[in-house]
Amino acid sequence: MMLQEFETLTDIHPTLELWELIERAYNESKLDKLIWCARFKMNENGIAERLARDADALATRRTDMLRHDLNQARMRINQLENQLADAKAQLDRELGWQPATDIGTNMSEHDYQLLADDTAPMSELDAIRRIAHECGFDMSCIKLVPTVETFDVNKHQKCRVSGTYSRLPVWASTDWNYIRFDVCDNQWEIVNGELMPYYD
């Protein structure tokens, strides 16, 4: 008997577990499907209630097993993540990673935060005007860049990004300011009044 036949004959729509038990009970009975379905629908000898209870118990066992398997998988994932973190830390020590000084932003994030906490950010237009005035660039060629990066370098002179930070232009005074911008294909920062190239 197919599930669709059972549902048509009984107007009952069983769960996966209940259907599994119904199908087994029907196959063991050797009765005609019409008779068996009629008896099931009438709950003859409590068959429908018994199979429903058994199906609930089966669903509970399966849920418990799935929960157990999920917990085991999570524990294994945590174990593997810890092993990977340890391996990465060991590799980093062997490669001798150190902060790079000739690439990325020319102002530390600590100093920028001190500046930003002290002064409100500039508008885009004000920042572009300030760059043009201080550095002589054509305003139409200036593009503000809102993020900067810091880098590490290893003993093989290979670099990697160590941090990415959001940076709005801030101008507190002629010697306390910061703006990150590009002009055509050239990358620049103004750091405390000094025009400095930005390399990445």
Foldseek 3Di string as FASTA:
>chain_A
DDQVVLCVLQVDRDDPLLVVVLVVVVVVVPDDPNVSSVCCNVCPVVPVVVSVVVSVVVVVVVVVVVVVVVVVVVVVVVVVVVVVVVVVVVVCVVQAKDWDQPAKDPDDPVLQVVQCVVFPFDDPVVVLVVCCVLPVDDSVQKDFDQKIFTWIATPVRDIDTPDMDGHGWGDPDCQRTWTWIDGVPFTWMQHRNDIDGHHD
